[in-house]
Amino acid sequence: MDLQELISLTLKKIGYANADIEHPDVRAEHSPELRLYLNEAYLRALRRIRPVKRQEVVLDGERGFDLSELEEKPTRIRYIEYEGARHRQCLPFDREMTHLTVPFARPWDSVCVGYEYDPPALENDWDAPELCPAGFHGALADYAAARMLEQEGKREQATPFYAAFERALTMLKPAAGRFCRDALAWRSL
């Protein structure tokens, strides 16, 4: 599902009729806050999944590399693999760092870096939650519906939507120990 479809699903969940969902005034009124709520839910799911990317980099003459060489901005370095050995607790890392030195490697060698990152937020109508399993997309809409109802003062109606989101969130498996997108899995009840 892309962002536009998630917004439509959320509007259905809070009680809008199918004909009203596509009306430009309804969409213009609710889209900004629904984007915010859907992104809140998406980021909570990503914190649970902890997506990890693996990438090979070539060290410079001082046994280091610029973090800007990585495809995504890292939030945590999980491991560095060098000559078949995976070093997990090897490096101090700070999000503000720009250069990382690998003291156990030789200059100009290549190493594989496994790092956690935050995928981009859902901004455009065609953006889709890339790391969450498709079965979880409805839960994103549940969270957005709960937030919307709560803002309207309908806390009792929001509670079941929050509960559904939290149940779905517990079903997401963290990537724990696996370092690729294939590690993400969805467990059904």
N, C-alpha and C. Protein backbone atom coordinates (compact mmCIF):
# COMPACT_ATOMS: atom_id res chain seq x y z
N MET A 1 0.84 -1.18 0.00
CA MET A 1 0.00 0.00 0.00
C MET A 1 0.88 1.24 0.00
N ASP A 2 0.49 2.21 -0.77
CA ASP A 2 1.21 3.48 -0.74
C ASP A 2 0.52 4.43 0.24
N LEU A 3 1.09 5.61 0.41
CA LEU A 3 0.57 6.56 1.40
C LEU A 3 -0.86 6.97 1.10
N GLN A 4 -1.18 7.17 -0.16
CA GLN A 4 -2.54 7.57 -0.53
C GLN A 4 -3.55 6.49 -0.13
N GLU A 5 -3.21 5.23 -0.37
CA GLU A 5 -4.11 4.13 0.01
C GLU A 5 -4.21 4.00 1.53
N LEU A 6 -3.12 4.26 2.23
CA LEU A 6 -3.16 4.22 3.70
C LEU A 6 -4.07 5.32 4.26
N ILE A 7 -4.02 6.49 3.63
CA ILE A 7 -4.91 7.59 4.06
C ILE A 7 -6.36 7.21 3.83
N SER A 8 -6.65 6.62 2.67
CA SER A 8 -8.03 6.18 2.38
C SER A 8 -8.50 5.13 3.38
N LEU A 9 -7.64 4.17 3.69
CA LEU A 9 -8.00 3.13 4.64
C LEU A 9 -8.26 3.73 6.03
N THR A 10 -7.45 4.68 6.43
CA THR A 10 -7.64 5.33 7.73
C THR A 10 -8.98 6.07 7.77
N LEU A 11 -9.29 6.78 6.70
CA LEU A 11 -10.58 7.50 6.66
C LEU A 11 -11.75 6.54 6.73
N LYS A 12 -11.63 5.36 6.09
CA LYS A 12 -12.68 4.34 6.19
C LYS A 12 -12.84 3.88 7.63
N LYS A 13 -11.72 3.66 8.29
CA LYS A 13 -11.75 3.15 9.66
C LYS A 13 -12.42 4.14 10.62
N ILE A 14 -12.30 5.42 10.35
CA ILE A 14 -12.93 6.39 11.27
C ILE A 14 -14.36 6.74 10.86
N GLY A 15 -14.85 6.09 9.79
CA GLY A 15 -16.27 6.21 9.49
C GLY A 15 -16.66 6.95 8.24
N TYR A 16 -15.73 7.37 7.42
CA TYR A 16 -16.09 8.04 6.18
C TYR A 16 -16.60 7.03 5.15
N ALA A 17 -17.62 7.43 4.38
CA ALA A 17 -18.15 6.59 3.32
C ALA A 17 -17.18 6.60 2.14
N ASN A 18 -17.25 5.57 1.31
CA ASN A 18 -16.34 5.46 0.16
C ASN A 18 -16.39 6.69 -0.74
N ALA A 19 -17.59 7.23 -0.97
CA ALA A 19 -17.73 8.39 -1.85
C ALA A 19 -17.05 9.62 -1.24
N ASP A 20 -17.12 9.75 0.08
CA ASP A 20 -16.53 10.92 0.75
C ASP A 20 -15.01 10.85 0.81
N ILE A 21 -14.47 9.65 0.86
CA ILE A 21 -13.02 9.48 1.00
C ILE A 21 -12.26 10.13 -0.13
N GLU A 22 -12.79 10.03 -1.34
CA GLU A 22 -12.08 10.57 -2.50
C GLU A 22 -12.40 12.04 -2.76
N HIS A 23 -13.28 12.62 -1.98
CA HIS A 23 -13.63 14.03 -2.18
C HIS A 23 -12.42 14.90 -1.85
N PRO A 24 -12.07 15.84 -2.74
CA PRO A 24 -10.87 16.67 -2.51
C PRO A 24 -10.88 17.46 -1.21
N ASP A 25 -12.04 17.93 -0.78
CA ASP A 25 -12.10 18.69 0.47
C ASP A 25 -11.77 17.83 1.68
N VAL A 26 -12.27 16.60 1.69
CA VAL A 26 -12.01 15.68 2.80
C VAL A 26 -10.52 15.36 2.85
N ARG A 27 -9.97 15.05 1.69
CA ARG A 27 -8.54 14.72 1.62
C ARG A 27 -7.67 15.92 2.03
N ALA A 28 -8.02 17.10 1.55
CA ALA A 28 -7.23 18.29 1.88
C ALA A 28 -7.28 18.59 3.38
N GLU A 29 -8.44 18.34 3.98
CA GLU A 29 -8.61 18.63 5.40
C GLU A 29 -7.81 17.65 6.28
N HIS A 30 -7.81 16.37 5.91
CA HIS A 30 -7.25 15.35 6.79
C HIS A 30 -5.87 14.84 6.40
N SER A 31 -5.44 15.02 5.17
CA SER A 31 -4.17 14.45 4.72
C SER A 31 -2.95 14.89 5.53
N PRO A 32 -2.79 16.18 5.85
CA PRO A 32 -1.57 16.56 6.59
C PRO A 32 -1.42 15.86 7.93
N GLU A 33 -2.50 15.82 8.73
CA GLU A 33 -2.36 15.18 10.02
C GLU A 33 -2.29 13.66 9.90
N LEU A 34 -2.96 13.08 8.89
CA LEU A 34 -2.87 11.63 8.71
C LEU A 34 -1.46 11.21 8.29
N ARG A 35 -0.80 12.04 7.46
CA ARG A 35 0.60 11.76 7.10
C ARG A 35 1.47 11.72 8.36
N LEU A 36 1.25 12.67 9.24
CA LEU A 36 2.01 12.72 10.48
C LEU A 36 1.77 11.47 11.32
N TYR A 37 0.52 11.09 11.49
CA TYR A 37 0.19 9.93 12.32
C TYR A 37 0.68 8.63 11.70
N LEU A 38 0.56 8.50 10.38
CA LEU A 38 1.05 7.30 9.71
C LEU A 38 2.57 7.19 9.84
N ASN A 39 3.25 8.31 9.76
CA ASN A 39 4.71 8.29 9.94
C ASN A 39 5.09 7.96 11.38
N GLU A 40 4.31 8.43 12.36
CA GLU A 40 4.57 8.05 13.76
C GLU A 40 4.50 6.53 13.91
N ALA A 41 3.47 5.94 13.35
CA ALA A 41 3.31 4.49 13.44
C ALA A 41 4.43 3.77 12.70
N TYR A 42 4.79 4.27 11.54
CA TYR A 42 5.85 3.66 10.74
C TYR A 42 7.17 3.69 11.50
N LEU A 43 7.49 4.81 12.13
CA LEU A 43 8.74 4.91 12.88
C LEU A 43 8.74 4.01 14.10
N ARG A 44 7.60 3.84 14.75
CA ARG A 44 7.53 2.89 15.87
C ARG A 44 7.79 1.47 15.40
N ALA A 45 7.24 1.13 14.24
CA ALA A 45 7.48 -0.21 13.68
C ALA A 45 8.95 -0.39 13.32
N LEU A 46 9.56 0.65 12.77
CA LEU A 46 10.97 0.55 12.38
C LEU A 46 11.87 0.40 13.61
N ARG A 47 11.50 1.04 14.71
CA ARG A 47 12.29 0.87 15.94
C ARG A 47 12.23 -0.58 16.41
N ARG A 48 11.11 -1.24 16.16
CA ARG A 48 10.97 -2.64 16.54
C ARG A 48 11.76 -3.55 15.59
N ILE A 49 11.70 -3.26 14.31
CA ILE A 49 12.37 -4.10 13.31
C ILE A 49 13.88 -3.88 13.31
N ARG A 50 14.31 -2.65 13.54
CA ARG A 50 15.72 -2.28 13.48
C ARG A 50 16.35 -2.71 12.16
N PRO A 51 15.96 -2.06 11.05
CA PRO A 51 16.50 -2.48 9.75
C PRO A 51 18.01 -2.31 9.69
N VAL A 52 18.66 -3.29 9.08
CA VAL A 52 20.12 -3.30 8.96
C VAL A 52 20.48 -3.47 7.49
N LYS A 53 21.46 -2.71 7.08
CA LYS A 53 21.97 -2.79 5.71
C LYS A 53 23.42 -3.22 5.77
N ARG A 54 23.84 -4.02 4.82
CA ARG A 54 25.22 -4.50 4.72
C ARG A 54 25.83 -3.90 3.46
N GLN A 55 27.02 -3.34 3.61
CA GLN A 55 27.65 -2.68 2.47
C GLN A 55 29.17 -2.82 2.57
N GLU A 56 29.80 -3.01 1.43
CA GLU A 56 31.26 -3.11 1.38
C GLU A 56 31.85 -1.73 1.09
N VAL A 57 32.90 -1.39 1.82
CA VAL A 57 33.62 -0.13 1.61
C VAL A 57 35.12 -0.41 1.57
N VAL A 58 35.86 0.45 0.87
CA VAL A 58 37.32 0.34 0.80
C VAL A 58 37.90 1.39 1.74
N LEU A 59 38.81 0.95 2.58
CA LEU A 59 39.43 1.85 3.55
C LEU A 59 40.44 2.76 2.86
N ASP A 60 40.66 3.92 3.46
CA ASP A 60 41.66 4.84 2.92
C ASP A 60 43.04 4.49 3.51
N GLY A 61 44.02 5.31 3.24
CA GLY A 61 45.38 5.05 3.70
C GLY A 61 45.56 5.08 5.20
N GLU A 62 44.58 5.63 5.90
CA GLU A 62 44.64 5.69 7.37
C GLU A 62 43.71 4.67 8.01
N ARG A 63 43.34 3.65 7.27
CA ARG A 63 42.46 2.56 7.74
C ARG A 63 41.08 3.04 8.14
N GLY A 64 40.53 3.99 7.43
CA GLY A 64 39.21 4.51 7.74
C GLY A 64 38.38 4.74 6.49
N PHE A 65 37.18 5.21 6.67
CA PHE A 65 36.30 5.56 5.55
C PHE A 65 35.33 6.63 6.01
N ASP A 66 34.85 7.42 5.05
CA ASP A 66 33.85 8.44 5.34
C ASP A 66 32.48 7.78 5.42
N LEU A 67 31.72 8.12 6.43
CA LEU A 67 30.38 7.55 6.59
C LEU A 67 29.44 7.98 5.47
N SER A 68 29.79 9.05 4.76
CA SER A 68 28.97 9.49 3.63
C SER A 68 29.05 8.50 2.47
N GLU A 69 30.02 7.58 2.50
CA GLU A 69 30.12 6.54 1.46
C GLU A 69 29.01 5.51 1.58
N LEU A 70 28.42 5.40 2.76
CA LEU A 70 27.35 4.42 2.96
C LEU A 70 26.08 4.90 2.27
N GLU A 71 25.29 3.97 1.78
CA GLU A 71 24.06 4.32 1.04
C GLU A 71 23.07 5.07 1.91
N GLU A 72 22.97 4.70 3.18
CA GLU A 72 22.05 5.34 4.12
C GLU A 72 22.86 5.92 5.27
N LYS A 73 22.29 6.89 5.97
CA LYS A 73 22.96 7.45 7.15
C LYS A 73 22.79 6.47 8.30
N PRO A 74 23.89 5.96 8.86
CA PRO A 74 23.77 4.95 9.92
C PRO A 74 23.32 5.56 11.24
N THR A 75 22.51 4.80 11.97
CA THR A 75 22.14 5.19 13.33
C THR A 75 22.92 4.36 14.34
N ARG A 76 23.43 3.23 13.90
CA ARG A 76 24.24 2.36 14.76
C ARG A 76 25.03 1.41 13.87
N ILE A 77 26.31 1.24 14.17
CA ILE A 77 27.13 0.25 13.47
C ILE A 77 26.96 -1.06 14.22
N ARG A 78 26.45 -2.09 13.55
CA ARG A 78 26.22 -3.38 14.20
C ARG A 78 27.47 -4.26 14.15
N TYR A 79 28.17 -4.24 13.04
CA TYR A 79 29.38 -5.06 12.91
C TYR A 79 30.23 -4.54 11.76
N ILE A 80 31.50 -4.94 11.79
CA ILE A 80 32.39 -4.75 10.65
C ILE A 80 33.01 -6.11 10.39
N GLU A 81 32.90 -6.55 9.17
CA GLU A 81 33.43 -7.86 8.79
C GLU A 81 34.72 -7.65 8.02
N TYR A 82 35.77 -8.31 8.49
CA TYR A 82 37.09 -8.16 7.87
C TYR A 82 37.75 -9.52 7.82
N GLU A 83 38.16 -9.93 6.64
CA GLU A 83 38.82 -11.22 6.40
C GLU A 83 38.02 -12.37 7.00
N GLY A 84 36.72 -12.36 6.80
CA GLY A 84 35.86 -13.45 7.23
C GLY A 84 35.46 -13.41 8.70
N ALA A 85 36.03 -12.51 9.47
CA ALA A 85 35.68 -12.40 10.90
C ALA A 85 34.75 -11.21 11.10
N ARG A 86 33.71 -11.41 11.86
CA ARG A 86 32.75 -10.35 12.14
C ARG A 86 33.05 -9.75 13.52
N HIS A 87 33.39 -8.49 13.53
CA HIS A 87 33.71 -7.78 14.76
C HIS A 87 32.48 -6.98 15.17
N ARG A 88 31.87 -7.36 16.28
CA ARG A 88 30.60 -6.75 16.69
C ARG A 88 30.76 -5.63 17.71
N GLN A 89 31.70 -5.73 18.60
CA GLN A 89 31.84 -4.71 19.64
C GLN A 89 33.17 -3.99 19.45
N CYS A 90 33.35 -3.51 18.26
CA CYS A 90 34.68 -3.06 17.90
C CYS A 90 34.86 -1.55 17.89
N LEU A 91 33.83 -0.80 17.67
CA LEU A 91 34.04 0.61 17.39
C LEU A 91 33.12 1.51 18.18
N PRO A 92 33.66 2.60 18.72
CA PRO A 92 32.76 3.62 19.25
C PRO A 92 32.11 4.34 18.07
N PHE A 93 30.84 4.61 18.16
CA PHE A 93 30.15 5.27 17.05
C PHE A 93 29.22 6.32 17.60
N ASP A 94 29.25 7.47 16.99
CA ASP A 94 28.40 8.59 17.36
C ASP A 94 27.72 9.05 16.07
N ARG A 95 26.43 9.37 16.14
CA ARG A 95 25.70 9.78 14.93
C ARG A 95 26.28 11.03 14.28
N GLU A 96 27.03 11.81 15.02
CA GLU A 96 27.61 13.04 14.47
C GLU A 96 28.95 12.79 13.78
N MET A 97 29.45 11.58 13.86
CA MET A 97 30.75 11.26 13.25
C MET A 97 30.66 11.35 11.73
N THR A 98 31.75 11.71 11.10
CA THR A 98 31.80 11.76 9.63
C THR A 98 32.81 10.76 9.08
N HIS A 99 33.76 10.33 9.91
CA HIS A 99 34.83 9.42 9.48
C HIS A 99 34.98 8.33 10.54
N LEU A 100 35.16 7.10 10.10
CA LEU A 100 35.29 5.98 11.02
C LEU A 100 36.60 5.26 10.73
N THR A 101 37.41 5.01 11.74
CA THR A 101 38.67 4.30 11.60
C THR A 101 38.48 2.86 12.05
N VAL A 102 39.03 1.93 11.29
CA VAL A 102 38.94 0.50 11.59
C VAL A 102 40.35 0.04 11.98
N PRO A 103 40.67 0.04 13.27
CA PRO A 103 42.04 -0.21 13.69
C PRO A 103 42.56 -1.62 13.42
N PHE A 104 41.68 -2.60 13.29
CA PHE A 104 42.13 -3.97 13.09
C PHE A 104 42.30 -4.34 11.62
N ALA A 105 42.08 -3.41 10.70
CA ALA A 105 42.24 -3.68 9.27
C ALA A 105 43.47 -2.95 8.75
N ARG A 106 43.89 -3.34 7.54
CA ARG A 106 45.04 -2.70 6.89
C ARG A 106 44.54 -1.61 5.96
N PRO A 107 45.37 -0.59 5.73
CA PRO A 107 44.99 0.46 4.77
C PRO A 107 44.69 -0.14 3.40
N TRP A 108 43.72 0.41 2.73
CA TRP A 108 43.30 0.08 1.37
C TRP A 108 42.61 -1.27 1.25
N ASP A 109 42.37 -1.96 2.35
CA ASP A 109 41.60 -3.19 2.31
C ASP A 109 40.11 -2.85 2.26
N SER A 110 39.31 -3.83 1.91
CA SER A 110 37.87 -3.59 1.95
C SER A 110 37.27 -4.33 3.14
N VAL A 111 36.23 -3.74 3.71
CA VAL A 111 35.51 -4.33 4.83
C VAL A 111 34.01 -4.25 4.53
N CYS A 112 33.25 -5.13 5.14
CA CYS A 112 31.79 -5.06 5.04
C CYS A 112 31.26 -4.44 6.33
N VAL A 113 30.39 -3.47 6.18
CA VAL A 113 29.82 -2.77 7.32
C VAL A 113 28.34 -3.12 7.40
N GLY A 114 27.92 -3.59 8.56
CA GLY A 114 26.50 -3.83 8.82
C GLY A 114 26.01 -2.73 9.75
N TYR A 115 25.03 -1.97 9.32
CA TYR A 115 24.61 -0.83 10.12
C TYR A 115 23.09 -0.67 10.11
N GLU A 116 22.58 -0.18 11.24
CA GLU A 116 21.17 0.16 11.33
C GLU A 116 20.98 1.55 10.75
N TYR A 117 19.80 1.80 10.21
CA TYR A 117 19.50 3.11 9.62
C TYR A 117 18.02 3.38 9.71
N ASP A 118 17.66 4.63 9.54
CA ASP A 118 16.25 5.02 9.50
C ASP A 118 15.86 5.28 8.07
N PRO A 119 14.96 4.47 7.50
CA PRO A 119 14.48 4.74 6.14
C PRO A 119 13.75 6.08 6.10
N PRO A 120 13.62 6.66 4.92
CA PRO A 120 12.94 7.96 4.83
C PRO A 120 11.47 7.85 5.22
N ALA A 121 10.95 8.95 5.73
CA ALA A 121 9.54 9.02 6.11
C ALA A 121 8.66 8.98 4.87
N LEU A 122 7.40 8.69 5.07
CA LEU A 122 6.43 8.66 3.98
C LEU A 122 5.98 10.09 3.71
N GLU A 123 6.36 10.63 2.56
CA GLU A 123 6.04 12.03 2.25
C GLU A 123 5.11 12.18 1.05
N ASN A 124 5.39 11.46 -0.02
CA ASN A 124 4.60 11.58 -1.25
C ASN A 124 3.50 10.53 -1.28
N ASP A 125 2.46 10.80 -2.05
CA ASP A 125 1.33 9.87 -2.14
C ASP A 125 1.74 8.48 -2.60
N TRP A 126 2.79 8.36 -3.36
CA TRP A 126 3.21 7.07 -3.91
C TRP A 126 4.25 6.37 -3.01
N ASP A 127 4.68 7.00 -1.93
CA ASP A 127 5.62 6.37 -1.01
C ASP A 127 4.93 5.21 -0.29
N ALA A 128 5.65 4.12 -0.16
CA ALA A 128 5.12 2.95 0.54
C ALA A 128 6.06 2.57 1.68
N PRO A 129 5.53 2.06 2.77
CA PRO A 129 6.39 1.60 3.86
C PRO A 129 7.22 0.41 3.39
N GLU A 130 8.46 0.64 3.03
CA GLU A 130 9.26 -0.37 2.36
C GLU A 130 9.70 -1.52 3.25
N LEU A 131 9.84 -1.31 4.52
CA LEU A 131 10.38 -2.37 5.37
C LEU A 131 9.34 -3.12 6.17
N CYS A 132 8.16 -2.58 6.29
CA CYS A 132 7.11 -3.28 7.03
C CYS A 132 6.44 -4.28 6.11
N PRO A 133 6.14 -5.48 6.61
CA PRO A 133 5.43 -6.45 5.78
C PRO A 133 4.05 -5.92 5.39
N ALA A 134 3.55 -6.33 4.24
CA ALA A 134 2.28 -5.83 3.73
C ALA A 134 1.14 -6.07 4.72
N GLY A 135 1.18 -7.15 5.46
CA GLY A 135 0.15 -7.44 6.45
C GLY A 135 0.10 -6.44 7.59
N PHE A 136 1.16 -5.67 7.75
CA PHE A 136 1.22 -4.69 8.84
C PHE A 136 0.67 -3.33 8.42
N HIS A 137 0.46 -3.11 7.14
CA HIS A 137 0.01 -1.79 6.67
C HIS A 137 -1.33 -1.39 7.28
N GLY A 138 -2.23 -2.34 7.46
CA GLY A 138 -3.51 -2.04 8.09
C GLY A 138 -3.34 -1.55 9.52
N ALA A 139 -2.31 -2.05 10.20
CA ALA A 139 -2.03 -1.61 11.56
C ALA A 139 -1.57 -0.16 11.59
N LEU A 140 -0.85 0.27 10.56
CA LEU A 140 -0.46 1.68 10.47
C LEU A 140 -1.71 2.56 10.41
N ALA A 141 -2.68 2.11 9.63
CA ALA A 141 -3.95 2.84 9.52
C ALA A 141 -4.71 2.81 10.84
N ASP A 142 -4.62 1.70 11.58
CA ASP A 142 -5.27 1.64 12.90
C ASP A 142 -4.71 2.71 13.83
N TYR A 143 -3.39 2.84 13.84
CA TYR A 143 -2.75 3.84 14.70
C TYR A 143 -3.19 5.25 14.29
N ALA A 144 -3.17 5.53 13.00
CA ALA A 144 -3.57 6.86 12.52
C ALA A 144 -5.02 7.15 12.86
N ALA A 145 -5.89 6.13 12.72
CA ALA A 145 -7.30 6.31 13.06
C ALA A 145 -7.46 6.60 14.56
N ALA A 146 -6.71 5.90 15.38
CA ALA A 146 -6.79 6.12 16.83
C ALA A 146 -6.35 7.53 17.19
N ARG A 147 -5.25 7.98 16.59
CA ARG A 147 -4.76 9.34 16.87
C ARG A 147 -5.78 10.39 16.43
N MET A 148 -6.38 10.15 15.26
CA MET A 148 -7.35 11.10 14.72
C MET A 148 -8.58 11.18 15.64
N LEU A 149 -9.09 10.02 16.04
CA LEU A 149 -10.26 9.99 16.93
C LEU A 149 -9.93 10.61 18.28
N GLU A 150 -8.74 10.36 18.77
CA GLU A 150 -8.34 10.94 20.05
C GLU A 150 -8.29 12.46 19.97
N GLN A 151 -7.81 12.99 18.86
CA GLN A 151 -7.75 14.45 18.68
C GLN A 151 -9.14 15.07 18.63
N GLU A 152 -10.11 14.28 18.18
CA GLU A 152 -11.50 14.75 18.13
C GLU A 152 -12.22 14.54 19.46
N GLY A 153 -11.50 14.03 20.46
CA GLY A 153 -12.10 13.82 21.78
C GLY A 153 -12.86 12.51 21.90
N LYS A 154 -12.69 11.60 20.98
CA LYS A 154 -13.40 10.31 20.99
C LYS A 154 -12.46 9.21 21.49
N ARG A 155 -12.03 9.34 22.73
CA ARG A 155 -11.03 8.43 23.30
C ARG A 155 -11.52 6.98 23.36
N GLU A 156 -12.78 6.78 23.70
CA GLU A 156 -13.31 5.41 23.78
C GLU A 156 -13.31 4.72 22.43
N GLN A 157 -13.61 5.46 21.36
CA GLN A 157 -13.57 4.87 20.02
C GLN A 157 -12.13 4.63 19.56
N ALA A 158 -11.19 5.40 20.08
CA ALA A 158 -9.78 5.27 19.69
C ALA A 158 -9.12 4.05 20.33
N THR A 159 -9.55 3.67 21.51
CA THR A 159 -8.89 2.61 22.26
C THR A 159 -8.76 1.28 21.50
N PRO A 160 -9.82 0.78 20.84
CA PRO A 160 -9.65 -0.49 20.10
C PRO A 160 -8.63 -0.39 18.96
N PHE A 161 -8.54 0.77 18.34
CA PHE A 161 -7.56 0.95 17.26
C PHE A 161 -6.13 0.94 17.81
N TYR A 162 -5.93 1.60 18.94
CA TYR A 162 -4.61 1.55 19.59
C TYR A 162 -4.25 0.12 19.95
N ALA A 163 -5.21 -0.61 20.52
CA ALA A 163 -4.96 -2.00 20.93
C ALA A 163 -4.61 -2.87 19.72
N ALA A 164 -5.31 -2.67 18.61
CA ALA A 164 -5.02 -3.44 17.40
C ALA A 164 -3.61 -3.14 16.89
N PHE A 165 -3.21 -1.88 16.94
CA PHE A 165 -1.86 -1.52 16.50
C PHE A 165 -0.81 -2.16 17.41
N GLU A 166 -1.02 -2.09 18.70
CA GLU A 166 -0.04 -2.66 19.64
C GLU A 166 0.07 -4.17 19.48
N ARG A 167 -1.06 -4.85 19.24
CA ARG A 167 -1.02 -6.30 19.00
C ARG A 167 -0.21 -6.61 17.74
N ALA A 168 -0.47 -5.85 16.68
CA ALA A 168 0.26 -6.07 15.43
C ALA A 168 1.74 -5.76 15.60
N LEU A 169 2.05 -4.75 16.38
CA LEU A 169 3.45 -4.37 16.62
C LEU A 169 4.22 -5.50 17.31
N THR A 170 3.57 -6.19 18.22
CA THR A 170 4.25 -7.30 18.91
C THR A 170 4.50 -8.47 17.97
N MET A 171 3.80 -8.52 16.86
CA MET A 171 3.98 -9.61 15.90
C MET A 171 5.16 -9.39 14.96
N LEU A 172 5.66 -8.17 14.92
CA LEU A 172 6.82 -7.90 14.07
C LEU A 172 8.06 -8.48 14.72
N LYS A 173 8.85 -9.17 13.94
CA LYS A 173 10.11 -9.72 14.45
C LYS A 173 11.23 -8.75 14.16
N PRO A 174 12.06 -8.47 15.15
CA PRO A 174 13.24 -7.67 14.88
C PRO A 174 14.19 -8.43 13.95
N ALA A 175 15.04 -7.70 13.26
CA ALA A 175 16.00 -8.32 12.37
C ALA A 175 17.09 -9.04 13.15
N ALA A 176 17.13 -8.85 14.44
CA ALA A 176 18.06 -9.46 15.40
C ALA A 176 18.97 -10.53 14.85
N GLY A 177 20.17 -10.15 14.53
CA GLY A 177 21.17 -11.11 14.10
C GLY A 177 21.20 -11.33 12.61
N ARG A 178 20.16 -11.00 11.92
CA ARG A 178 20.16 -11.14 10.46
C ARG A 178 20.33 -9.75 9.88
N PHE A 179 21.10 -9.65 8.83
CA PHE A 179 21.49 -8.34 8.37
C PHE A 179 21.06 -8.05 6.94
N CYS A 180 19.84 -8.39 6.62
CA CYS A 180 19.31 -8.06 5.30
C CYS A 180 17.80 -7.94 5.39
N ARG A 181 17.20 -7.41 4.35
CA ARG A 181 15.75 -7.22 4.35
C ARG A 181 14.99 -8.54 4.45
N ASP A 182 15.59 -9.63 4.00
CA ASP A 182 14.92 -10.92 4.05
C ASP A 182 14.67 -11.38 5.49
N ALA A 183 15.36 -10.76 6.42
CA ALA A 183 15.20 -11.15 7.82
C ALA A 183 13.87 -10.69 8.40
N LEU A 184 13.23 -9.72 7.76
CA LEU A 184 11.97 -9.21 8.27
C LEU A 184 10.88 -10.24 8.02
N ALA A 185 10.12 -10.52 9.01
CA ALA A 185 9.08 -11.54 8.86
C ALA A 185 7.81 -11.09 9.56
N TRP A 186 6.72 -11.62 9.13
CA TRP A 186 5.42 -11.33 9.72
C TRP A 186 4.85 -12.64 10.22
N ARG A 187 4.52 -12.66 11.50
CA ARG A 187 3.92 -13.86 12.07
C ARG A 187 2.42 -13.66 12.16
N SER A 188 1.66 -14.59 11.65
CA SER A 188 0.20 -14.47 11.79
C SER A 188 -0.24 -15.09 13.11
N LEU A 189 -1.41 -14.68 13.55
CA LEU A 189 -1.90 -15.18 14.86
C LEU A 189 -2.22 -16.63 14.83
